[in-house]
Every structure is written in structure tokens, then in C-alpha cells.
Amino acid sequence: SLLRLKELELAKLGDSDVHVKMLAAPINPADINMIQGTYAILNPLPAVGGNEGVGEVLEVGRRVAALKPGDWVIPAVTGLGEEIQVDFLIIFAMKTWIDFSPGDSVIQNAANSGVGQAVIQIAKASGIKTINVVRDRPDLAKLVERLMALGADHVITEEMLRKPEMKDIFKSVPKPRLALNCVGGKSTTEMLRHLQPKGTMVTYGGMAKQPVMVPVSAFIFRDVRLRGFWMTQWRKDHAQDQHSLASMMDALCQLIRRGQLTAPACTEVPLQDYKAALEAATKPFTSSKQILLL
């Protein structure tokens, strides 16, 4: 097996150190890609898996003033995790790339994922309509009901993207100015066709492991824009602009406090059962985030 549990000796606490006990950590697609060796950043082996989580401060060095035992903390680096990444993405896109007005719309694929559910909620809180694309599945009706309860305006399958019935949606919702893609392949190409002229598609993942194919006519006649977003690179580019990071984090916290942004459906798994959690996280049509309890 590539993975195993290992106990390590806790380092002695220095004057400027903080001892943190991790409480919970999700298994995200990026974590699995790192294990598979297909992610952009690969840590030297042996390495500790995972990028995201929440921990409790147990002890602080005598020079540490900003934290105290009992405080809860999240990692400040290593990508901030996939969930926070896309939360930042939608806020950053709305503030920087697209001059949104209330009533505008966004289209996204993999809408049932944790990040897709966050997009639905953030967009709704901002008065923006969402068109949400999911794969067809046996329990489709239940999934549609759950996403609509979160605030989705429309939930459609990938197959419907190619059907004339899409015109009915645009009788009540304007064509989207922003498309969020984390799949690739045909789903992305079809989603792109519904963008407004001068619309922007942002790719932040590639779960289908297929290229993004764009018709030449989309560039020439509709002037669509394609961009990528990777939180790790964004942090590097904005290393001197901590205000932007703090501002977006504050915006997310405000949404959470108001009950407008909630966590996706989760399955809590004891750490010793990590193999079962990894297997569940890689199964198709998974809508529940696997959370390792440490």
C-alpha cells in the first residue's frame, strides 16, 4: 500500500512554536491527485497526505502572543484546501473578472461537489442566478432537490446541455457571464456554448482528465475568455497583498455567520479507517465529503 499510519515523536516546543492537534481533515480530489502523482505540486517522499483541516492549539511558546491553548486554527499555506480555493475563486471572479449585477447568472459543472455547493450559496447571497450541471445518476431527483434547497436556480444533466430545451431556461435567466469548470471534456465544451459573448470560463480542476476543447468560432465571433485558477499560484502572486486575502476570508466568514454558507454533506470517518474513506472518496457519483476525524 502507498499509505500507512505512522506515529512520530512530537518535537520539543520552541519559544516561537505552536503545538496544534488536528481535529478533522477532508479528503479532496487534489489530495488523491497528489497520491497518484498527477498534481502540479508533489512533495518529496515520504510525505504526509492532505492539504486542509482544522486543529486545536494545545500549547504555545513563550513568545507567541496571537494564539492561546484552545484556539481553533486552519492551515495558512499548502493551498488552503480545495473548498476554500473555490470559495475564493467565485468571490475573486465576481470582484475582478466580471462586473456582475444582481440577476446575472453563472453556469458550473460538478455542481454536486463540495465546491459546487459553495458556489450555489455564495452566488445566491450575491443575487446571482446559478445553472448547475451534474452527471445523470440513479438518485438524480434527490440530488436536484438538495441543490435546489441550497439555492440553485436550475439543475440539469450533462446530456441536457446539448438539447434544445436549454432555450427554456434562458427565458427566465440571462445567459451566463461566467462558467466554472472542474471537469473538462465534452461537458465543458457544451457548457461554453451557452456563455454570453465576451463571457469568461475559469477552469480550476480536471476531474475527467480530458482536455478543454473550444470551437474556433467561440473565440472569433463571441470573444469568450478562458482562464485558470489555482489558489497556490494566486497566493504567490499576491504574497505582498495580504489585505486581499484577509478581505476575502472575512467575506466568507460573514456568509458563514449569517447562515448563508454551510458545509457540504459529510461522512465522518475515524482516522484508522482511512483506507475505507479513500475508497469512498474515489467512487463515482459521490456527493458526501469524506472527513477524517483525528
Protein backbone atom coordinates (compact mmCIF):
# COMPACT_ATOMS: atom_id res chain seq x y z
CA SER A 1 0.00 0.00 0.00
CA LEU A 2 1.14 3.55 -0.74
CA LEU A 3 -0.38 4.81 2.50
CA ARG A 4 0.09 3.81 6.12
CA LEU A 5 -0.35 5.28 9.57
CA LYS A 6 2.82 6.15 11.41
CA GLU A 7 3.43 7.61 14.85
CA LEU A 8 6.06 10.33 15.07
CA GLU A 9 7.71 11.83 18.12
CA LEU A 10 6.40 15.32 18.89
CA ALA A 11 9.07 17.97 18.52
CA LYS A 12 10.06 19.98 21.58
CA LEU A 13 8.16 23.27 21.82
CA GLY A 14 10.31 26.29 20.96
CA ASP A 15 9.77 29.85 22.14
CA SER A 16 8.05 30.81 18.87
CA ASP A 17 6.37 27.46 18.20
CA VAL A 18 2.77 26.30 18.47
CA HIS A 19 1.64 22.74 19.08
CA VAL A 20 -1.60 22.00 17.21
CA LYS A 21 -3.70 18.87 17.41
CA MET A 22 -5.51 18.30 14.14
CA LEU A 23 -9.17 17.55 14.76
CA ALA A 24 -10.51 16.81 11.30
CA ALA A 25 -9.29 16.75 7.69
CA PRO A 26 -11.28 16.24 4.47
CA ILE A 27 -10.20 14.10 1.55
CA ASN A 28 -10.31 16.31 -1.55
CA PRO A 29 -9.63 15.41 -5.21
CA ALA A 30 -6.35 17.32 -5.05
CA ASP A 31 -5.20 15.11 -2.17
CA ILE A 32 -5.90 12.00 -4.23
CA ASN A 33 -4.11 13.50 -7.25
CA MET A 34 -1.03 14.09 -5.09
CA ILE A 35 -1.05 10.43 -4.04
CA GLN A 36 -1.44 9.40 -7.68
CA GLY A 37 1.48 11.64 -8.66
CA THR A 38 -0.59 13.71 -11.09
CA TYR A 39 -0.81 17.01 -9.18
CA ALA A 40 1.25 20.10 -10.02
CA ILE A 41 2.97 20.00 -6.62
CA LEU A 42 4.45 16.73 -5.41
CA ASN A 43 6.10 16.61 -2.00
CA PRO A 44 9.34 14.64 -1.54
CA LEU A 45 8.65 11.17 -0.15
CA PRO A 46 7.90 10.12 2.49
CA ALA A 47 5.16 12.78 2.78
CA VAL A 48 2.07 13.46 4.87
CA GLY A 49 -1.14 13.36 2.84
CA GLY A 50 -3.75 16.10 2.83
CA ASN A 51 -3.79 19.88 2.49
CA GLU A 52 -6.72 21.06 4.55
CA GLY A 53 -8.19 20.68 8.01
CA VAL A 54 -8.94 22.26 11.35
CA GLY A 55 -6.91 21.91 14.51
CA GLU A 56 -6.87 22.98 18.14
CA VAL A 57 -3.95 24.81 19.75
CA LEU A 58 -2.62 22.74 22.64
CA GLU A 59 0.43 24.71 23.66
CA VAL A 60 2.26 27.89 22.63
CA GLY A 61 5.83 29.08 23.10
CA ARG A 62 6.53 31.98 25.45
CA ARG A 63 7.00 34.43 22.55
CA VAL A 64 3.64 33.60 20.93
CA ALA A 65 1.03 36.26 21.68
CA ALA A 66 -1.53 35.86 18.88
CA LEU A 67 -2.68 32.36 19.89
CA LYS A 68 -3.58 30.57 23.11
CA PRO A 69 -4.45 26.97 24.04
CA GLY A 70 -7.99 26.12 22.97
CA ASP A 71 -7.97 28.30 19.83
CA TRP A 72 -9.03 26.60 16.60
CA VAL A 73 -6.88 27.16 13.52
CA ILE A 74 -6.67 26.21 9.84
CA PRO A 75 -3.53 25.92 7.67
CA ALA A 76 -2.33 29.22 6.26
CA VAL A 77 -0.39 27.61 3.39
CA THR A 78 -0.35 24.40 1.27
CA GLY A 79 -3.15 25.67 -0.95
CA LEU A 80 -5.69 26.36 1.80
CA GLY A 81 -7.61 23.35 0.59
CA GLU A 82 -9.94 22.82 -2.33
CA GLU A 83 -13.10 24.06 -0.59
CA ILE A 84 -11.66 27.41 0.42
CA GLN A 85 -9.99 27.67 -3.01
CA VAL A 86 -13.23 27.74 -4.94
CA ASP A 87 -14.94 29.96 -2.37
CA PHE A 88 -12.15 32.44 -3.01
CA LEU A 89 -12.47 31.82 -6.75
CA ILE A 90 -16.11 32.85 -7.00
CA ILE A 91 -15.58 35.95 -4.85
CA PHE A 92 -12.41 36.88 -6.75
CA ALA A 93 -14.12 36.35 -10.11
CA MET A 94 -17.12 38.44 -9.11
CA LYS A 95 -14.91 41.27 -7.90
CA THR A 96 -12.16 41.19 -10.50
CA TRP A 97 -13.01 39.49 -13.80
CA ILE A 98 -16.75 40.04 -14.12
CA ASP A 99 -18.70 43.20 -13.41
CA PHE A 100 -21.70 41.32 -12.05
CA SER A 101 -25.09 42.85 -11.43
CA PRO A 102 -27.91 41.25 -9.42
CA GLY A 103 -29.80 38.87 -11.68
CA ASP A 104 -26.77 37.85 -13.75
CA SER A 105 -26.03 34.14 -13.97
CA VAL A 106 -23.21 31.63 -13.55
CA ILE A 107 -23.02 28.13 -15.01
CA GLN A 108 -20.92 25.39 -13.42
CA ASN A 109 -20.30 21.67 -13.77
CA ALA A 110 -19.81 19.15 -10.94
CA ALA A 111 -22.37 21.23 -9.07
CA ASN A 112 -22.94 18.47 -6.51
CA SER A 113 -19.34 18.63 -5.29
CA GLY A 114 -18.41 20.44 -2.12
CA VAL A 115 -17.10 23.38 -4.11
CA GLY A 116 -20.17 23.38 -6.36
CA GLN A 117 -22.44 23.64 -3.35
CA ALA A 118 -20.40 26.57 -2.07
CA VAL A 119 -20.76 28.35 -5.42
CA ILE A 120 -24.55 27.95 -5.27
CA GLN A 121 -24.72 29.53 -1.83
CA ILE A 122 -22.25 32.37 -2.45
CA ALA A 123 -23.94 33.27 -5.72
CA LYS A 124 -27.39 33.25 -4.12
CA ALA A 125 -26.18 35.53 -1.33
CA SER A 126 -24.93 37.92 -4.03
CA GLY A 127 -28.17 37.89 -6.05
CA ILE A 128 -26.62 35.86 -8.88
CA LYS A 129 -28.52 33.02 -10.59
CA THR A 130 -26.90 29.60 -10.99
CA ILE A 131 -27.25 26.95 -13.67
CA ASN A 132 -25.83 23.75 -12.23
CA VAL A 133 -24.68 20.79 -14.30
CA VAL A 134 -24.43 17.28 -12.82
CA ARG A 135 -23.97 13.80 -14.23
CA ASP A 136 -27.07 11.65 -14.63
CA ARG A 137 -27.42 9.09 -11.84
CA PRO A 138 -29.99 6.77 -10.23
CA ASP A 139 -30.81 9.21 -7.39
CA LEU A 140 -30.94 12.30 -9.61
CA ALA A 141 -34.26 13.54 -8.20
CA LYS A 142 -32.91 13.57 -4.63
CA LEU A 143 -29.77 15.39 -5.74
CA VAL A 144 -31.77 18.04 -7.61
CA GLU A 145 -33.95 18.56 -4.54
CA ARG A 146 -30.91 19.00 -2.30
CA LEU A 147 -29.20 21.52 -4.60
CA MET A 148 -32.41 23.48 -5.07
CA ALA A 149 -32.75 23.66 -1.28
CA LEU A 150 -29.29 25.25 -1.17
CA GLY A 151 -30.46 27.97 -3.54
CA ALA A 152 -29.78 26.58 -7.03
CA ASP A 153 -31.98 28.12 -9.73
CA HIS A 154 -31.60 25.32 -12.27
CA VAL A 155 -30.08 21.83 -12.02
CA ILE A 156 -29.54 19.97 -15.29
CA THR A 157 -27.64 16.93 -16.52
CA GLU A 158 -24.68 16.99 -18.89
CA GLU A 159 -26.93 15.46 -21.57
CA MET A 160 -29.39 18.34 -21.32
CA LEU A 161 -26.63 20.82 -22.16
CA ARG A 162 -26.85 19.59 -25.74
CA LYS A 163 -30.65 19.71 -26.03
CA PRO A 164 -32.93 22.46 -27.41
CA GLU A 165 -34.70 22.61 -24.03
CA MET A 166 -31.83 24.77 -22.77
CA LYS A 167 -33.58 27.66 -24.53
CA ASP A 168 -36.41 27.41 -21.99
CA ILE A 169 -34.00 28.12 -19.14
CA PHE A 170 -32.82 31.31 -20.78
CA LYS A 171 -36.36 32.65 -20.97
CA SER A 172 -36.17 33.36 -17.22
CA VAL A 173 -32.42 33.53 -16.63
CA PRO A 174 -29.91 35.51 -18.72
CA LYS A 175 -27.15 33.60 -20.43
CA PRO A 176 -24.22 33.24 -18.02
CA ARG A 177 -21.32 35.66 -17.99
CA LEU A 178 -19.16 33.20 -16.05
CA ALA A 179 -18.63 29.44 -16.39
CA LEU A 180 -16.80 27.45 -13.71
CA ASN A 181 -15.19 24.24 -14.93
CA CYS A 182 -13.60 21.48 -12.91
CA VAL A 183 -14.37 18.57 -15.26
CA GLY A 184 -13.07 19.06 -18.81
CA GLY A 185 -14.03 17.13 -21.92
CA LYS A 186 -17.38 17.36 -23.73
CA SER A 187 -19.21 18.70 -20.68
CA THR A 188 -17.01 21.77 -20.70
CA THR A 189 -17.31 22.35 -24.44
CA GLU A 190 -21.09 22.24 -24.27
CA MET A 191 -21.19 24.48 -21.22
CA LEU A 192 -19.02 27.02 -23.02
CA ARG A 193 -21.54 27.26 -25.87
CA HIS A 194 -24.06 28.85 -23.52
CA LEU A 195 -21.81 31.69 -22.35
CA GLN A 196 -22.68 35.26 -23.29
CA PRO A 197 -20.42 36.97 -25.84
CA LYS A 198 -17.27 38.14 -24.01
CA GLY A 199 -18.11 35.67 -21.24
CA THR A 200 -15.35 34.07 -19.17
CA MET A 201 -14.76 30.42 -18.37
CA VAL A 202 -12.49 29.65 -15.41
CA THR A 203 -11.02 26.17 -15.07
CA TYR A 204 -9.96 25.12 -11.58
CA GLY A 205 -9.96 21.33 -11.97
CA GLY A 206 -9.99 18.50 -14.48
CA MET A 207 -11.74 15.50 -12.95
CA ALA A 208 -12.50 13.89 -16.32
CA LYS A 209 -8.79 14.03 -17.19
CA GLN A 210 -9.80 15.21 -20.67
CA PRO A 211 -8.69 18.42 -22.43
CA VAL A 212 -10.81 21.54 -22.73
CA MET A 213 -11.88 21.74 -26.38
CA VAL A 214 -13.03 25.15 -27.61
CA PRO A 215 -14.59 25.82 -31.04
CA VAL A 216 -12.67 28.43 -33.01
CA SER A 217 -15.93 30.30 -33.58
CA ALA A 218 -16.25 30.91 -29.83
CA PHE A 219 -13.05 32.94 -29.93
CA ILE A 220 -13.65 34.73 -33.23
CA PHE A 221 -17.36 35.55 -33.15
CA ARG A 222 -18.14 35.59 -29.42
CA ASP A 223 -14.79 36.66 -27.95
CA VAL A 224 -15.02 34.28 -24.99
CA ARG A 225 -12.17 34.33 -22.48
CA LEU A 226 -10.58 31.29 -20.88
CA ARG A 227 -8.70 31.49 -17.60
CA GLY A 228 -7.30 29.16 -14.99
CA PHE A 229 -7.36 29.47 -11.22
CA TRP A 230 -5.05 27.78 -8.72
CA MET A 231 -5.06 29.06 -5.18
CA THR A 232 -1.40 28.17 -4.63
CA GLN A 233 -0.33 30.38 -7.56
CA TRP A 234 -2.76 33.12 -6.55
CA ARG A 235 -1.13 33.27 -3.12
CA LYS A 236 2.32 33.53 -4.68
CA ASP A 237 1.17 36.33 -6.98
CA HIS A 238 -0.43 38.20 -4.07
CA ALA A 239 2.18 37.48 -1.41
CA GLN A 240 2.60 41.21 -0.79
CA ASP A 241 -1.14 41.85 -0.75
CA GLN A 242 -2.32 40.31 2.50
CA HIS A 243 -5.25 42.76 2.51
CA SER A 244 -6.92 40.95 -0.42
CA LEU A 245 -6.54 37.58 1.30
CA ALA A 246 -7.88 38.92 4.60
CA SER A 247 -10.74 40.70 2.84
CA MET A 248 -11.94 37.58 1.03
CA MET A 249 -11.55 35.42 4.14
CA ASP A 250 -13.63 37.97 6.05
CA ALA A 251 -16.30 37.88 3.32
CA LEU A 252 -16.53 34.09 3.66
CA CYS A 253 -16.71 34.27 7.46
CA GLN A 254 -19.52 36.82 7.25
CA LEU A 255 -21.52 34.49 4.99
CA ILE A 256 -20.97 31.61 7.41
CA ARG A 257 -22.05 33.70 10.41
CA ARG A 258 -25.23 34.74 8.61
CA GLY A 259 -26.02 31.13 7.74
CA GLN A 260 -25.66 31.80 4.01
CA LEU A 261 -22.72 29.41 3.55
CA THR A 262 -22.85 25.95 5.09
CA ALA A 263 -20.62 22.90 4.83
CA PRO A 264 -21.45 20.24 2.22
CA ALA A 265 -22.81 16.85 3.19
CA CYS A 266 -20.06 14.99 5.05
CA THR A 267 -19.27 11.48 6.24
CA GLU A 268 -17.12 11.38 9.36
CA VAL A 269 -14.60 8.54 9.39
CA PRO A 270 -12.14 7.62 12.19
CA LEU A 271 -8.52 8.01 11.10
CA GLN A 272 -7.80 4.30 11.45
CA ASP A 273 -10.40 3.66 8.74
CA TYR A 274 -8.62 5.95 6.25
CA LYS A 275 -8.48 3.25 3.57
CA ALA A 276 -12.27 2.97 3.51
CA ALA A 277 -12.57 6.76 3.36
CA LEU A 278 -10.17 6.96 0.41
CA GLU A 279 -12.08 4.27 -1.44
CA ALA A 280 -15.38 6.08 -0.84
CA ALA A 281 -13.87 9.38 -1.99
CA THR A 282 -12.92 7.90 -5.36
CA LYS A 283 -16.27 6.26 -6.11
CA PRO A 284 -18.40 7.78 -8.90
CA PHE A 285 -21.43 9.92 -8.04
CA THR A 286 -20.10 10.70 -4.58
CA SER A 287 -21.82 13.73 -3.04
CA SER A 288 -20.66 13.31 0.56
CA LYS A 289 -17.26 14.65 1.59
CA GLN A 290 -15.13 12.15 3.49
CA ILE A 291 -13.86 13.72 6.73
CA LEU A 292 -11.11 12.01 8.70
CA LEU A 293 -11.51 12.51 12.45
CA LEU A 294 -8.12 12.68 14.09
